[in-house]
Amino acid sequence: MAQGVVKKSKASAPKVGSSRRQTGSKVIKPKKASLIKSQNTAKKHTAGLTALTEKAIAGKAGHLELLGGGKRDKKAEMAAKLQKKG
């Protein structure tokens, strides 16, 4: 027996994927007053350490223009002191 004509199927519509935004990790803030106080002091101390570290790096490198306290700043301070004396 002869078979019939092969039916052509329609192209399926492309699937639209749901674009989910990736969220960051949740930070649980402390509720007790003593924990809030210790967290604030820790934040202040780390900020100071960062500033000191950047100043030390700039002093050693000397060519970092973004960070203050490098060799260029030291030369400017020395020149200013010499002008005041002389």
Protein backbone atom coordinates (compact mmCIF):
# COMPACT_ATOMS: atom_id res chain seq x y z
CA MET A 1 0.00 0.00 0.00
CA ALA A 2 1.20 3.47 -0.84
CA GLN A 3 1.67 5.87 2.00
CA GLY A 4 0.25 9.39 1.98
CA VAL A 5 2.14 12.68 1.63
CA VAL A 6 4.42 13.60 4.57
CA LYS A 7 2.86 16.38 6.60
CA LYS A 8 5.12 19.38 7.34
CA SER A 9 4.91 20.60 10.91
CA LYS A 10 4.88 24.30 11.74
CA ALA A 11 7.92 25.78 13.44
CA SER A 12 7.33 26.12 17.17
CA ALA A 13 7.49 29.57 18.70
CA PRO A 14 10.76 30.33 20.48
CA LYS A 15 10.56 29.91 24.23
CA VAL A 16 10.95 33.05 26.27
CA GLY A 17 13.07 32.38 29.34
CA SER A 18 12.20 34.25 32.48
CA SER A 19 15.05 36.65 33.18
CA ARG A 20 15.67 36.46 36.93
CA ARG A 21 17.82 39.15 38.50
CA GLN A 22 20.57 37.76 40.64
CA THR A 23 20.35 39.16 44.14
CA GLY A 24 23.20 39.61 46.57
CA SER A 25 23.55 37.84 49.87
CA LYS A 26 21.30 39.10 52.64
CA VAL A 27 22.85 40.97 55.55
CA ILE A 28 21.16 40.43 58.88
CA LYS A 29 21.60 43.56 60.93
CA PRO A 30 22.06 43.19 64.69
CA LYS A 31 19.12 43.97 66.93
CA LYS A 32 20.86 44.35 70.31
CA ALA A 33 22.34 47.74 71.19
CA SER A 34 25.67 46.24 72.26
CA LEU A 35 26.04 44.41 68.94
CA ILE A 36 25.17 47.57 66.97
CA LYS A 37 27.78 49.53 68.92
CA SER A 38 30.49 46.90 68.32
CA GLN A 39 29.63 46.76 64.62
CA ASN A 40 29.95 50.55 64.29
CA THR A 41 33.34 50.59 66.04
CA ALA A 42 34.58 47.77 63.82
CA LYS A 43 33.46 49.73 60.76
CA LYS A 44 35.35 52.84 61.93
CA HIS A 45 38.54 50.92 62.67
CA THR A 46 38.58 49.13 59.32
CA ALA A 47 38.14 52.45 57.52
CA GLY A 48 41.16 53.84 59.37
CA LEU A 49 43.23 50.76 58.56
CA THR A 50 42.36 51.08 54.89
CA ALA A 51 43.46 54.72 54.81
CA LEU A 52 46.74 53.91 56.56
CA THR A 53 47.41 50.99 54.21
CA GLU A 54 46.80 53.12 51.13
CA LYS A 55 49.12 55.81 52.48
CA ALA A 56 51.85 53.25 53.17
CA ILE A 57 51.53 51.79 49.68
CA ALA A 58 51.65 55.23 48.11
CA GLY A 59 54.74 56.10 50.13
CA LYS A 60 56.55 52.98 48.92
CA ALA A 61 55.43 53.20 45.32
CA GLY A 62 55.72 56.97 44.88
CA HIS A 63 54.17 56.96 41.43
CA LEU A 64 50.56 56.33 42.39
CA GLU A 65 48.77 59.60 41.64
CA LEU A 66 45.41 58.50 42.99
CA LEU A 67 46.74 57.83 46.47
CA GLY A 68 48.09 60.69 48.54
CA GLY A 69 51.21 60.60 50.65
CA GLY A 70 53.69 59.47 48.02
CA LYS A 71 57.18 60.74 47.21
CA ARG A 72 55.73 63.62 45.21
CA ASP A 73 53.84 64.88 48.26
CA LYS A 74 56.94 64.55 50.44
CA LYS A 75 58.99 66.61 47.99
CA ALA A 76 56.31 69.31 47.95
CA GLU A 77 56.29 69.42 51.76
CA MET A 78 60.09 69.72 51.89
CA ALA A 79 60.01 72.55 49.34
CA ALA A 80 57.35 74.36 51.37
CA LYS A 81 59.44 74.04 54.55
CA LEU A 82 62.54 75.39 52.78
CA GLN A 83 60.60 78.41 51.51
CA LYS A 84 59.31 79.20 55.00
CA LYS A 85 62.82 79.04 56.48
CA GLY A 86 64.52 81.00 53.70
